[in-house]
Amino acid sequence: MITLHRLNDKPFILNAELIRTIEENPDTVITLISGDHVIVKEPMREVVERTIDYGRLLRRLIPPG
Protein backbone atom coordinates (compact mmCIF):
# COMPACT_ATOMS: atom_id res chain seq x y z
CA MET A 1 0.00 0.00 0.00
CA ILE A 2 1.26 3.48 -0.85
CA THR A 3 0.08 6.89 0.37
CA LEU A 4 -0.79 9.41 -2.34
CA HIS A 5 -2.70 12.70 -2.53
CA ARG A 6 -5.67 13.67 -4.65
CA LEU A 7 -5.58 17.04 -6.41
CA ASN A 8 -7.39 18.60 -3.42
CA ASP A 9 -4.45 17.51 -1.17
CA LYS A 10 -6.54 14.83 0.54
CA PRO A 11 -4.35 11.79 1.25
CA PHE A 12 -5.46 8.24 0.45
CA ILE A 13 -3.96 4.77 0.44
CA LEU A 14 -3.67 2.84 -2.83
CA ASN A 15 -2.96 -0.86 -3.16
CA ALA A 16 0.07 -0.67 -5.45
CA GLU A 17 -0.58 -4.20 -6.72
CA LEU A 18 -3.70 -2.92 -8.52
CA ILE A 19 -1.83 -0.45 -10.75
CA ARG A 20 -1.98 -1.21 -14.47
CA THR A 21 -0.47 1.99 -15.91
CA ILE A 22 0.77 5.41 -14.79
CA GLU A 23 0.71 8.40 -17.17
CA GLU A 24 1.73 12.01 -16.76
CA ASN A 25 0.29 14.67 -19.08
CA PRO A 26 0.54 17.00 -17.08
CA ASP A 27 -1.44 15.46 -14.19
CA THR A 28 -0.46 11.99 -13.04
CA VAL A 29 -3.20 9.51 -13.95
CA ILE A 30 -3.10 6.00 -12.48
CA THR A 31 -5.16 3.35 -14.25
CA LEU A 32 -6.06 0.38 -12.08
CA ILE A 33 -6.58 -3.19 -13.27
CA SER A 34 -10.33 -2.60 -12.80
CA GLY A 35 -10.17 0.17 -15.41
CA ASP A 36 -10.78 2.92 -12.82
CA HIS A 37 -8.63 6.06 -13.06
CA VAL A 38 -7.15 8.02 -10.16
CA ILE A 39 -5.56 11.46 -10.59
CA VAL A 40 -2.87 12.30 -8.04
CA LYS A 41 -0.63 15.26 -7.17
CA GLU A 42 2.57 13.24 -7.04
CA PRO A 43 4.68 13.14 -10.19
CA MET A 44 4.80 9.86 -12.10
CA ARG A 45 8.40 9.16 -11.05
CA GLU A 46 7.47 9.43 -7.35
CA VAL A 47 4.54 7.02 -7.75
CA VAL A 48 6.85 4.55 -9.49
CA GLU A 49 9.48 4.88 -6.74
CA ARG A 50 6.90 4.33 -4.00
CA THR A 51 5.55 1.29 -5.85
CA ILE A 52 9.04 -0.18 -6.18
CA ASP A 53 9.75 0.47 -2.48
CA TYR A 54 6.48 -1.25 -1.57
CA GLY A 55 7.46 -4.31 -3.64
CA ARG A 56 10.87 -4.43 -1.96
CA LEU A 57 9.21 -4.28 1.46
CA LEU A 58 6.97 -7.21 0.57
CA ARG A 59 9.91 -9.30 -0.62
CA ARG A 60 11.75 -8.66 2.66
CA LEU A 61 8.73 -9.98 4.59
CA ILE A 62 8.72 -13.32 2.75
CA PRO A 63 10.91 -15.86 4.57
CA PRO A 64 13.66 -17.45 2.42
CA GLY A 65 13.27 -20.98 1.13
PDB file of N, CA and C in Angstrom:
ATOM      1  N   MET A   1       0.843  -1.175   0.000  1.00  0.00           N
ATOM      2  CA  MET A   1       0.000   0.000   0.000  1.00  0.00           C
ATOM      3  C   MET A   1       0.894   1.246   0.000  1.00  0.00           C
ATOM      4  N   ILE A   2       0.492   2.233  -0.781  1.00  0.00           N
ATOM      5  CA  ILE A   2       1.259   3.478  -0.846  1.00  0.00           C
ATOM      6  C   ILE A   2       0.318   4.648  -0.563  1.00  0.00           C
ATOM      7  N   THR A   3       0.853   5.678   0.069  1.00  0.00           N
ATOM      8  CA  THR A   3       0.081   6.886   0.369  1.00  0.00           C
ATOM      9  C   THR A   3       0.293   7.889  -0.756  1.00  0.00           C
ATOM     10  N   LEU A   4      -0.815   8.403  -1.289  1.00  0.00           N
ATOM     11  CA  LEU A   4      -0.793   9.407  -2.341  1.00  0.00           C
ATOM     12  C   LEU A   4      -1.763  10.521  -1.968  1.00  0.00           C
ATOM     13  N   HIS A   5      -1.807  11.565  -2.788  1.00  0.00           N
ATOM     14  CA  HIS A   5      -2.697  12.703  -2.534  1.00  0.00           C
ATOM     15  C   HIS A   5      -3.521  13.019  -3.775  1.00  0.00           C
ATOM     16  N   ARG A   6      -4.804  13.221  -3.563  1.00  0.00           N
ATOM     17  CA  ARG A   6      -5.673  13.672  -4.647  1.00  0.00           C
ATOM     18  C   ARG A   6      -5.337  15.133  -4.962  1.00  0.00           C
ATOM     19  N   LEU A   7      -5.886  15.666  -6.019  1.00  0.00           N
ATOM     20  CA  LEU A   7      -5.583  17.042  -6.412  1.00  0.00           C
ATOM     21  C   LEU A   7      -6.006  18.059  -5.360  1.00  0.00           C
ATOM     22  N   ASN A   8      -6.958  17.691  -4.494  1.00  0.00           N
ATOM     23  CA  ASN A   8      -7.394  18.600  -3.422  1.00  0.00           C
ATOM     24  C   ASN A   8      -6.552  18.436  -2.160  1.00  0.00           C
ATOM     25  N   ASP A   9      -5.401  17.757  -2.263  1.00  0.00           N
ATOM     26  CA  ASP A   9      -4.452  17.515  -1.170  1.00  0.00           C
ATOM     27  C   ASP A   9      -4.924  16.480  -0.162  1.00  0.00           C
ATOM     28  N   LYS A  10      -6.048  15.842  -0.394  1.00  0.00           N
ATOM     29  CA  LYS A  10      -6.538  14.831   0.538  1.00  0.00           C
ATOM     30  C   LYS A  10      -5.761  13.526   0.324  1.00  0.00           C
ATOM     31  N   PRO A  11      -5.124  13.021   1.395  1.00  0.00           N
ATOM     32  CA  PRO A  11      -4.348  11.786   1.249  1.00  0.00           C
ATOM     33  C   PRO A  11      -5.247  10.556   1.168  1.00  0.00           C
ATOM     34  N   PHE A  12      -4.760   9.526   0.491  1.00  0.00           N
ATOM     35  CA  PHE A  12      -5.457   8.242   0.449  1.00  0.00           C
ATOM     36  C   PHE A  12      -4.427   7.144   0.262  1.00  0.00           C
ATOM     37  N   ILE A  13      -4.835   5.932   0.557  1.00  0.00           N
ATOM     38  CA  ILE A  13      -3.960   4.768   0.443  1.00  0.00           C
ATOM     39  C   ILE A  13      -4.382   3.981  -0.788  1.00  0.00           C
ATOM     40  N   LEU A  14      -3.404   3.610  -1.621  1.00  0.00           N
ATOM     41  CA  LEU A  14      -3.672   2.839  -2.830  1.00  0.00           C
ATOM     42  C   LEU A  14      -2.927   1.512  -2.753  1.00  0.00           C
ATOM     43  N   ASN A  15      -3.602   0.434  -3.065  1.00  0.00           N
ATOM     44  CA  ASN A  15      -2.962  -0.863  -3.156  1.00  0.00           C
ATOM     45  C   ASN A  15      -2.134  -0.864  -4.439  1.00  0.00           C
ATOM     46  N   ALA A  16      -0.824  -0.795  -4.299  1.00  0.00           N
ATOM     47  CA  ALA A  16       0.073  -0.668  -5.450  1.00  0.00           C
ATOM     48  C   ALA A  16      -0.001  -1.873  -6.380  1.00  0.00           C
ATOM     49  N   GLU A  17      -0.480  -3.001  -5.888  1.00  0.00           N
ATOM     50  CA  GLU A  17      -0.577  -4.202  -6.721  1.00  0.00           C
ATOM     51  C   GLU A  17      -1.712  -4.102  -7.740  1.00  0.00           C
ATOM     52  N   LEU A  18      -2.564  -3.094  -7.605  1.00  0.00           N
ATOM     53  CA  LEU A  18      -3.699  -2.923  -8.518  1.00  0.00           C
ATOM     54  C   LEU A  18      -3.404  -1.961  -9.666  1.00  0.00           C
ATOM     55  N   ILE A  19      -2.185  -1.420  -9.715  1.00  0.00           N
ATOM     56  CA  ILE A  19      -1.830  -0.451 -10.752  1.00  0.00           C
ATOM     57  C   ILE A  19      -1.567  -1.170 -12.072  1.00  0.00           C
ATOM     58  N   ARG A  20      -2.239  -0.702 -13.121  1.00  0.00           N
ATOM     59  CA  ARG A  20      -1.984  -1.208 -14.474  1.00  0.00           C
ATOM     60  C   ARG A  20      -1.020  -0.279 -15.203  1.00  0.00           C
ATOM     61  N   THR A  21      -1.347   1.024 -15.246  1.00  0.00           N
ATOM     62  CA  THR A  21      -0.466   1.994 -15.905  1.00  0.00           C
ATOM     63  C   THR A  21      -0.435   3.295 -15.117  1.00  0.00           C
ATOM     64  N   ILE A  22       0.632   4.068 -15.363  1.00  0.00           N
ATOM     65  CA  ILE A  22       0.773   5.413 -14.794  1.00  0.00           C
ATOM     66  C   ILE A  22       1.167   6.330 -15.941  1.00  0.00           C
ATOM     67  N   GLU A  23       0.421   7.426 -16.104  1.00  0.00           N
ATOM     68  CA  GLU A  23       0.709   8.395 -17.167  1.00  0.00           C
ATOM     69  C   GLU A  23       0.818   9.778 -16.557  1.00  0.00           C
ATOM     70  N   GLU A  24       1.568  10.643 -17.229  1.00  0.00           N
ATOM     71  CA  GLU A  24       1.726  12.014 -16.759  1.00  0.00           C
ATOM     72  C   GLU A  24       1.600  12.946 -17.945  1.00  0.00           C
ATOM     73  N   ASN A  25       0.478  13.737 -17.972  1.00  0.00           N
ATOM     74  CA  ASN A  25       0.287  14.671 -19.079  1.00  0.00           C
ATOM     75  C   ASN A  25      -0.749  15.734 -18.750  1.00  0.00           C
ATOM     76  N   PRO A  26      -0.499  16.799 -18.077  1.00  0.00           N
ATOM     77  CA  PRO A  26       0.540  17.002 -17.085  1.00  0.00           C
ATOM     78  C   PRO A  26       0.210  16.350 -15.743  1.00  0.00           C
ATOM     79  N   ASP A  27      -1.095  16.127 -15.447  1.00  0.00           N
ATOM     80  CA  ASP A  27      -1.443  15.455 -14.186  1.00  0.00           C
ATOM     81  C   ASP A  27      -1.062  13.981 -14.260  1.00  0.00           C
ATOM     82  N   THR A  28      -0.790  13.403 -13.096  1.00  0.00           N
ATOM     83  CA  THR A  28      -0.460  11.992 -13.040  1.00  0.00           C
ATOM     84  C   THR A  28      -1.758  11.198 -12.927  1.00  0.00           C
ATOM     85  N   VAL A  29      -1.991  10.328 -13.906  1.00  0.00           N
ATOM     86  CA  VAL A  29      -3.197   9.507 -13.953  1.00  0.00           C
ATOM     87  C   VAL A  29      -2.789   8.051 -13.778  1.00  0.00           C
ATOM     88  N   ILE A  30      -3.359   7.409 -12.747  1.00  0.00           N
ATOM     89  CA  ILE A  30      -3.096   6.004 -12.481  1.00  0.00           C
ATOM     90  C   ILE A  30      -4.314   5.219 -12.940  1.00  0.00           C
ATOM     91  N   THR A  31      -4.093   4.243 -13.803  1.00  0.00           N
ATOM     92  CA  THR A  31      -5.159   3.350 -14.246  1.00  0.00           C
ATOM     93  C   THR A  31      -5.003   2.042 -13.479  1.00  0.00           C
ATOM     94  N   LEU A  32      -6.082   1.616 -12.859  1.00  0.00           N
ATOM     95  CA  LEU A  32      -6.065   0.383 -12.082  1.00  0.00           C
ATOM     96  C   LEU A  32      -6.482  -0.799 -12.952  1.00  0.00           C
ATOM     97  N   ILE A  33      -6.233  -2.011 -12.480  1.00  0.00           N
ATOM     98  CA  ILE A  33      -6.582  -3.187 -13.268  1.00  0.00           C
ATOM     99  C   ILE A  33      -8.086  -3.292 -13.476  1.00  0.00           C
ATOM    100  N   SER A  34      -8.873  -2.618 -12.641  1.00  0.00           N
ATOM    101  CA  SER A  34     -10.333  -2.603 -12.796  1.00  0.00           C
ATOM    102  C   SER A  34     -10.776  -1.665 -13.917  1.00  0.00           C
ATOM    103  N   GLY A  35      -9.832  -0.823 -14.406  1.00  0.00           N
ATOM    104  CA  GLY A  35     -10.173   0.175 -15.411  1.00  0.00           C
ATOM    105  C   GLY A  35     -10.450   1.544 -14.817  1.00  0.00           C
ATOM    106  N   ASP A  36     -10.567   1.629 -13.489  1.00  0.00           N
ATOM    107  CA  ASP A  36     -10.775   2.917 -12.823  1.00  0.00           C
ATOM    108  C   ASP A  36      -9.525   3.777 -12.961  1.00  0.00           C
ATOM    109  N   HIS A  37      -9.727   5.103 -12.954  1.00  0.00           N
ATOM    110  CA  HIS A  37      -8.629   6.055 -13.055  1.00  0.00           C
ATOM    111  C   HIS A  37      -8.573   6.882 -11.779  1.00  0.00           C
ATOM    112  N   VAL A  38      -7.362   7.171 -11.327  1.00  0.00           N
ATOM    113  CA  VAL A  38      -7.145   8.016 -10.159  1.00  0.00           C
ATOM    114  C   VAL A  38      -6.143   9.086 -10.569  1.00  0.00           C
ATOM    115  N   ILE A  39      -6.466  10.352 -10.296  1.00  0.00           N
ATOM    116  CA  ILE A  39      -5.557  11.458 -10.592  1.00  0.00           C
ATOM    117  C   ILE A  39      -4.926  11.890  -9.276  1.00  0.00           C
ATOM    118  N   VAL A  40      -3.589  11.976  -9.273  1.00  0.00           N
ATOM    119  CA  VAL A  40      -2.875  12.299  -8.039  1.00  0.00           C
ATOM    120  C   VAL A  40      -1.936  13.480  -8.250  1.00  0.00           C
ATOM    121  N   LYS A  41      -1.539  14.109  -7.127  1.00  0.00           N
ATOM    122  CA  LYS A  41      -0.635  15.258  -7.175  1.00  0.00           C
ATOM    123  C   LYS A  41       0.808  14.854  -7.406  1.00  0.00           C
ATOM    124  N   GLU A  42       1.187  13.671  -6.934  1.00  0.00           N
ATOM    125  CA  GLU A  42       2.574  13.237  -7.039  1.00  0.00           C
ATOM    126  C   GLU A  42       2.971  13.049  -8.499  1.00  0.00           C
ATOM    127  N   PRO A  43       4.212  13.394  -8.834  1.00  0.00           N
ATOM    128  CA  PRO A  43       4.676  13.141 -10.193  1.00  0.00           C
ATOM    129  C   PRO A  43       4.801  11.639 -10.455  1.00  0.00           C
ATOM    130  N   MET A  44       4.756  11.268 -11.716  1.00  0.00           N
ATOM    131  CA  MET A  44       4.803   9.861 -12.104  1.00  0.00           C
ATOM    132  C   MET A  44       6.019   9.157 -11.506  1.00  0.00           C
ATOM    133  N   ARG A  45       7.171   9.783 -11.564  1.00  0.00           N
ATOM    134  CA  ARG A  45       8.405   9.162 -11.051  1.00  0.00           C
ATOM    135  C   ARG A  45       8.273   8.808  -9.570  1.00  0.00           C
ATOM    136  N   GLU A  46       7.641   9.681  -8.791  1.00  0.00           N
ATOM    137  CA  GLU A  46       7.473   9.434  -7.355  1.00  0.00           C
ATOM    138  C   GLU A  46       6.533   8.252  -7.109  1.00  0.00           C
ATOM    139  N   VAL A  47       5.468   8.156  -7.890  1.00  0.00           N
ATOM    140  CA  VAL A  47       4.539   7.022  -7.752  1.00  0.00           C
ATOM    141  C   VAL A  47       5.273   5.721  -8.077  1.00  0.00           C
ATOM    142  N   VAL A  48       6.079   5.745  -9.123  1.00  0.00           N
ATOM    143  CA  VAL A  48       6.853   4.552  -9.495  1.00  0.00           C
ATOM    144  C   VAL A  48       7.828   4.179  -8.374  1.00  0.00           C
ATOM    145  N   GLU A  49       8.530   5.155  -7.817  1.00  0.00           N
ATOM    146  CA  GLU A  49       9.476   4.881  -6.736  1.00  0.00           C
ATOM    147  C   GLU A  49       8.776   4.299  -5.516  1.00  0.00           C
ATOM    148  N   ARG A  50       7.631   4.851  -5.149  1.00  0.00           N
ATOM    149  CA  ARG A  50       6.898   4.326  -3.999  1.00  0.00           C
ATOM    150  C   ARG A  50       6.411   2.903  -4.259  1.00  0.00           C
ATOM    151  N   THR A  51       6.008   2.639  -5.486  1.00  0.00           N
ATOM    152  CA  THR A  51       5.549   1.295  -5.848  1.00  0.00           C
ATOM    153  C   THR A  51       6.695   0.295  -5.767  1.00  0.00           C
ATOM    154  N   ILE A  52       7.859   0.686  -6.260  1.00  0.00           N
ATOM    155  CA  ILE A  52       9.041  -0.182  -6.181  1.00  0.00           C
ATOM    156  C   ILE A  52       9.424  -0.427  -4.722  1.00  0.00           C
ATOM    157  N   ASP A  53       9.430   0.619  -3.911  1.00  0.00           N
ATOM    158  CA  ASP A  53       9.748   0.468  -2.483  1.00  0.00           C
ATOM    159  C   ASP A  53       8.771  -0.474  -1.795  1.00  0.00           C
ATOM    160  N   TYR A  54       7.502  -0.369  -2.139  1.00  0.00           N
ATOM    161  CA  TYR A  54       6.482  -1.252  -1.570  1.00  0.00           C
ATOM    162  C   TYR A  54       6.774  -2.705  -1.942  1.00  0.00           C
ATOM    163  N   GLY A  55       7.123  -2.952  -3.200  1.00  0.00           N
ATOM    164  CA  GLY A  55       7.456  -4.308  -3.640  1.00  0.00           C
ATOM    165  C   GLY A  55       8.677  -4.855  -2.909  1.00  0.00           C
ATOM    166  N   ARG A  56       9.671  -4.007  -2.701  1.00  0.00           N
ATOM    167  CA  ARG A  56      10.869  -4.425  -1.959  1.00  0.00           C
ATOM    168  C   ARG A  56      10.515  -4.784  -0.520  1.00  0.00           C
ATOM    169  N   LEU A  57       9.653  -3.994   0.093  1.00  0.00           N
ATOM    170  CA  LEU A  57       9.215  -4.277   1.459  1.00  0.00           C
ATOM    171  C   LEU A  57       8.527  -5.638   1.527  1.00  0.00           C
ATOM    172  N   LEU A  58       7.667  -5.919   0.580  1.00  0.00           N
ATOM    173  CA  LEU A  58       6.967  -7.206   0.569  1.00  0.00           C
ATOM    174  C   LEU A  58       7.945  -8.366   0.435  1.00  0.00           C
ATOM    175  N   ARG A  59       8.935  -8.215  -0.427  1.00  0.00           N
ATOM    176  CA  ARG A  59       9.908  -9.298  -0.624  1.00  0.00           C
ATOM    177  C   ARG A  59      10.744  -9.541   0.624  1.00  0.00           C
ATOM    178  N   ARG A  60      11.007  -8.489   1.416  1.00  0.00           N
ATOM    179  CA  ARG A  60      11.755  -8.661   2.665  1.00  0.00           C
ATOM    180  C   ARG A  60      10.929  -9.410   3.707  1.00  0.00           C
ATOM    181  N   LEU A  61       9.597  -9.315   3.606  1.00  0.00           N
ATOM    182  CA  LEU A  61       8.727  -9.977   4.588  1.00  0.00           C
ATOM    183  C   LEU A  61       8.563 -11.467   4.321  1.00  0.00           C
ATOM    184  N   ILE A  62       8.875 -11.911   3.096  1.00  0.00           N
ATOM    185  CA  ILE A  62       8.723 -13.318   2.748  1.00  0.00           C
ATOM    186  C   ILE A  62       9.953 -14.076   3.249  1.00  0.00           C
ATOM    187  N   PRO A  63       9.759 -15.108   4.077  1.00  0.00           N
ATOM    188  CA  PRO A  63      10.913 -15.862   4.573  1.00  0.00           C
ATOM    189  C   PRO A  63      11.602 -16.632   3.443  1.00  0.00           C
ATOM    190  N   PRO A  64      12.927 -16.731   3.483  1.00  0.00           N
ATOM    191  CA  PRO A  64      13.657 -17.447   2.420  1.00  0.00           C
ATOM    192  C   PRO A  64      13.336 -18.934   2.430  1.00  0.00           C
ATOM    193  N   GLY A  65      13.437 -19.533   1.251  1.00  0.00           N
ATOM    194  CA  GLY A  65      13.271 -20.984   1.135  1.00  0.00           C
ATOM    195  C   GLY A  65      11.894 -21.369   0.876  1.00  0.00           C
TER     196      GLY A  65
END
